[in-house]
Amino acid sequence: MFARLPVILLGALLSVAACAQEQKDATASAPVAAEAGKNYFLIEPPQPTSSGDKIEVLEVFSYACVHCAHFQPYADEIKSKLPAYAQFEYLPAIFNDQWEAYARAFYCAQSLGVLDKTHQAVFNAVHRDHRPFRSFNDIAAFYGEQGVDSEKFTQLATSFEVQSKLARSKSLVPKLGVDGTPTIIINGKYRVTGASAGGYPQLVALVDYLVKKEHAAKSAK
């Protein structure tokens, strides 16, 4: 009987450890707080998305915003964790002429299909290397250094496509209730920031919660 005690105790300890791990995993996956009007905000009226049938997770940002640069690793984490029914997008905010130049560059890079290559590089140039970009031509020259066709890039800058996207951004950002960056919009319905979530790690968890909440609502229809 006494010989069996170590085995029994070991089994009990393993059971306790497993329960503790389950509780830890549940806590880690749950948002710290998810209260409407406090941690996230309803957008009234909801705004249309560009993600088709998928739930859109939209980061409103600017390359000129140091907070967006700090947030970028968390944006990458959000993208990596999104389920197949959701899609991550960027929307450059335009609060002044400098921000418009960066937004124009973003849309040029998007049109050329080089965002994956240049997105982090621009953040690094502006906020890590403190490179002086005094005009759009300075920004275009930097993209040329990244292997982007400078001539095509410059031509796109004033194209109907880019102009239309800039106009959409100027119109949409106020409708989303965005007054600072970075801000995350879930499916045109919910708005959340690092401050409202309680920090960027909590924001990642809150976005996951709201994506699943929206998916459940759509599935119930």
Protein backbone atom coordinates (compact mmCIF):
# COMPACT_ATOMS: atom_id res chain seq x y z
CA MET A 1 0.00 0.00 0.00
CA PHE A 2 2.76 2.40 1.03
CA ALA A 3 4.68 1.51 -2.13
CA ARG A 4 1.76 2.86 -4.16
CA LEU A 5 1.71 6.25 -2.41
CA PRO A 6 4.43 7.87 -4.56
CA VAL A 7 2.55 6.83 -7.69
CA ILE A 8 -0.73 8.20 -6.32
CA LEU A 9 0.94 11.43 -5.21
CA LEU A 10 2.65 11.81 -8.59
CA GLY A 11 -0.66 11.37 -10.36
CA ALA A 12 -2.29 13.95 -8.13
CA LEU A 13 0.53 16.43 -8.72
CA LEU A 14 0.34 15.93 -12.48
CA SER A 15 -3.43 16.47 -12.37
CA VAL A 16 -3.01 19.69 -10.39
CA ALA A 17 -0.31 20.87 -12.78
CA ALA A 18 -2.51 20.15 -15.78
CA CYS A 19 -5.41 22.10 -14.27
CA ALA A 20 -3.12 25.00 -13.46
CA GLN A 21 -1.81 25.04 -17.03
CA GLU A 22 -5.35 24.99 -18.43
CA GLN A 23 -6.27 27.95 -16.21
CA LYS A 24 -3.09 29.77 -17.28
CA ASP A 25 -3.83 29.16 -20.97
CA ALA A 26 -7.42 30.35 -20.55
CA THR A 27 -6.25 33.50 -18.78
CA ALA A 28 -3.62 34.19 -21.43
CA SER A 29 -6.14 33.88 -24.26
CA ALA A 30 -8.80 36.04 -22.61
CA PRO A 31 -8.74 39.82 -22.99
CA VAL A 32 -7.99 41.70 -19.79
CA ALA A 33 -11.17 43.74 -20.27
CA ALA A 34 -13.82 43.97 -22.98
CA GLU A 35 -16.36 46.59 -21.95
CA ALA A 36 -18.11 48.56 -24.68
CA GLY A 37 -17.74 52.29 -24.20
CA LYS A 38 -14.61 51.82 -22.11
CA ASN A 39 -12.22 49.30 -23.68
CA TYR A 40 -13.70 49.46 -27.16
CA PHE A 41 -16.19 51.76 -28.86
CA LEU A 42 -19.08 51.20 -31.24
CA ILE A 43 -18.89 53.06 -34.55
CA GLU A 44 -22.23 54.62 -35.41
CA PRO A 45 -23.16 54.11 -38.11
CA PRO A 46 -20.92 51.14 -39.02
CA GLN A 47 -18.72 51.83 -42.03
CA PRO A 48 -18.31 49.62 -45.12
CA THR A 49 -15.19 47.47 -45.38
CA SER A 50 -13.02 46.44 -48.32
CA SER A 51 -12.48 42.83 -47.28
CA GLY A 52 -15.46 41.19 -48.95
CA ASP A 53 -16.94 38.37 -46.87
CA LYS A 54 -14.01 38.38 -44.45
CA ILE A 55 -13.96 40.29 -41.18
CA GLU A 56 -11.73 43.31 -41.65
CA VAL A 57 -9.13 44.26 -39.06
CA LEU A 58 -7.99 47.74 -40.06
CA GLU A 59 -5.05 49.61 -38.59
CA VAL A 60 -5.29 53.37 -39.00
CA PHE A 61 -1.68 54.52 -38.88
CA SER A 62 0.99 56.85 -40.21
CA TYR A 63 4.68 56.38 -40.91
CA ALA A 64 5.12 59.77 -39.21
CA CYS A 65 3.68 58.41 -35.94
CA VAL A 66 6.27 57.08 -33.49
CA HIS A 67 3.54 55.19 -31.61
CA CYS A 68 2.70 53.33 -34.84
CA ALA A 69 6.36 52.38 -35.18
CA HIS A 70 6.31 50.99 -31.64
CA PHE A 71 3.05 49.19 -32.35
CA GLN A 72 4.22 47.50 -35.57
CA PRO A 73 5.44 44.27 -33.88
CA TYR A 74 2.01 43.96 -32.28
CA ALA A 75 0.34 44.58 -35.65
CA ASP A 76 2.43 41.74 -37.05
CA GLU A 77 1.30 39.55 -34.14
CA ILE A 78 -2.35 40.37 -34.81
CA LYS A 79 -1.91 39.48 -38.49
CA SER A 80 -0.21 36.19 -37.66
CA LYS A 81 -3.02 35.15 -35.31
CA LEU A 82 -6.01 36.08 -37.47
CA PRO A 83 -8.30 33.17 -38.39
CA ALA A 84 -8.98 32.37 -42.03
CA TYR A 85 -12.27 34.29 -41.92
CA ALA A 86 -10.52 37.60 -41.10
CA GLN A 87 -8.22 39.91 -43.04
CA PHE A 88 -5.77 42.61 -41.94
CA GLU A 89 -5.59 45.94 -43.77
CA TYR A 90 -3.89 49.32 -43.32
CA LEU A 91 -5.45 52.76 -43.66
CA PRO A 92 -3.01 55.71 -43.56
CA ALA A 93 -4.39 58.68 -41.66
CA ILE A 94 -3.89 62.17 -43.08
CA PHE A 95 -3.83 64.81 -40.36
CA ASN A 96 -1.44 67.23 -42.09
CA ASP A 97 0.67 67.69 -45.24
CA GLN A 98 3.55 65.57 -43.96
CA TRP A 99 1.22 62.69 -43.18
CA GLU A 100 -0.32 63.02 -46.64
CA ALA A 101 3.11 62.56 -48.25
CA TYR A 102 3.61 59.33 -46.31
CA ALA A 103 0.08 58.18 -47.16
CA ARG A 104 0.76 58.85 -50.82
CA ALA A 105 3.94 56.78 -50.60
CA PHE A 106 2.05 53.96 -48.89
CA TYR A 107 -0.51 53.78 -51.68
CA CYS A 108 2.21 53.88 -54.34
CA ALA A 109 3.97 50.97 -52.65
CA GLN A 110 0.67 49.13 -52.31
CA SER A 111 -0.06 49.56 -56.00
CA LEU A 112 3.40 48.26 -56.91
CA GLY A 113 3.01 45.24 -54.60
CA VAL A 114 6.08 46.06 -52.47
CA LEU A 115 4.49 46.80 -49.07
CA ASP A 116 5.86 43.63 -47.48
CA LYS A 117 9.34 44.79 -48.43
CA THR A 118 9.06 48.48 -47.59
CA HIS A 119 6.61 48.86 -44.70
CA GLN A 120 9.01 48.19 -41.83
CA ALA A 121 11.86 49.83 -43.73
CA VAL A 122 10.04 53.18 -43.78
CA PHE A 123 9.37 53.00 -40.04
CA ASN A 124 13.04 52.23 -39.45
CA ALA A 125 14.20 55.10 -41.63
CA VAL A 126 11.95 57.65 -39.93
CA HIS A 127 12.09 56.63 -36.27
CA ARG A 128 15.25 54.56 -35.85
CA ASP A 129 17.60 56.21 -38.32
CA HIS A 130 15.99 59.68 -38.10
CA ARG A 131 16.35 60.16 -41.81
CA PRO A 132 15.18 63.63 -42.87
CA PHE A 133 12.29 63.38 -45.35
CA ARG A 134 11.50 66.99 -46.22
CA SER A 135 9.42 66.30 -49.33
CA PHE A 136 7.71 63.53 -51.24
CA ASN A 137 10.72 63.42 -53.56
CA ASP A 138 12.92 62.54 -50.57
CA ILE A 139 10.55 59.72 -49.69
CA ALA A 140 10.48 58.51 -53.31
CA ALA A 141 14.29 58.47 -53.37
CA PHE A 142 14.28 56.23 -50.29
CA TYR A 143 11.91 53.77 -51.97
CA GLY A 144 14.30 53.74 -54.92
CA GLU A 145 17.04 52.63 -52.54
CA GLN A 146 14.81 49.71 -51.55
CA GLY A 147 14.80 48.45 -55.14
CA VAL A 148 11.49 50.05 -56.12
CA ASP A 149 11.23 51.48 -59.65
CA SER A 150 11.56 55.21 -58.90
CA GLU A 151 9.99 56.30 -62.19
CA LYS A 152 6.87 54.15 -61.72
CA PHE A 153 6.68 55.18 -58.07
CA THR A 154 6.71 58.90 -58.92
CA GLN A 155 4.21 58.49 -61.75
CA LEU A 156 1.81 56.65 -59.47
CA ALA A 157 1.97 59.42 -56.89
CA THR A 158 -0.38 61.64 -58.89
CA SER A 159 -2.40 58.86 -60.54
CA PHE A 160 -6.19 58.64 -60.33
CA GLU A 161 -5.83 55.43 -58.30
CA VAL A 162 -3.69 57.00 -55.59
CA GLN A 163 -5.65 60.25 -55.55
CA SER A 164 -8.88 58.28 -55.07
CA LYS A 165 -7.41 56.32 -52.17
CA LEU A 166 -6.17 59.50 -50.50
CA ALA A 167 -9.65 61.01 -50.82
CA ARG A 168 -11.20 57.86 -49.33
CA SER A 169 -8.83 58.02 -46.36
CA LYS A 170 -9.62 61.68 -45.70
CA SER A 171 -13.34 60.89 -45.80
CA LEU A 172 -13.30 57.59 -43.89
CA VAL A 173 -11.01 58.36 -40.93
CA PRO A 174 -13.38 60.94 -39.37
CA LYS A 175 -16.37 58.64 -39.93
CA LEU A 176 -14.55 55.94 -37.97
CA GLY A 177 -14.11 58.38 -35.09
CA VAL A 178 -10.33 58.17 -35.26
CA ASP A 179 -8.50 61.10 -33.70
CA GLY A 180 -5.12 59.46 -33.10
CA THR A 181 -2.91 56.61 -34.25
CA PRO A 182 -2.53 53.70 -34.06
CA THR A 183 -6.22 52.81 -33.91
CA ILE A 184 -7.68 49.41 -34.78
CA ILE A 185 -11.09 49.10 -36.43
CA ILE A 186 -12.85 45.72 -36.48
CA ASN A 187 -15.18 45.22 -39.43
CA GLY A 188 -16.18 48.87 -39.53
CA LYS A 189 -18.07 48.42 -36.23
CA TYR A 190 -15.63 48.55 -33.32
CA ARG A 191 -12.81 50.99 -32.54
CA VAL A 192 -10.04 50.23 -30.06
CA THR A 193 -6.68 51.79 -29.12
CA GLY A 194 -3.80 50.82 -26.89
CA ALA A 195 -4.98 53.33 -24.29
CA SER A 196 -8.54 51.98 -24.19
CA ALA A 197 -7.36 48.37 -24.10
CA GLY A 198 -4.84 49.03 -21.33
CA GLY A 199 -1.71 48.48 -23.39
CA TYR A 200 -0.59 46.92 -26.66
CA PRO A 201 -0.49 43.30 -25.40
CA GLN A 202 -4.05 43.73 -24.12
CA LEU A 203 -5.01 45.30 -27.46
CA VAL A 204 -3.87 42.16 -29.28
CA ALA A 205 -6.12 40.05 -27.05
CA LEU A 206 -9.03 42.48 -27.37
CA VAL A 207 -8.82 42.45 -31.18
CA ASP A 208 -8.94 38.65 -31.08
CA TYR A 209 -12.03 38.83 -28.85
CA LEU A 210 -13.81 41.34 -31.11
CA VAL A 211 -13.00 39.39 -34.28
CA LYS A 212 -14.51 36.25 -32.74
CA LYS A 213 -17.47 38.27 -31.44
CA GLU A 214 -18.15 39.63 -34.92
CA HIS A 215 -17.75 36.22 -36.52
CA ALA A 216 -20.25 34.72 -34.07
CA ALA A 217 -22.72 37.53 -34.83
CA LYS A 218 -22.38 36.97 -38.59
CA SER A 219 -22.72 33.21 -38.23
CA ALA A 220 -25.90 33.60 -36.20
CA LYS A 221 -27.68 35.50 -38.99
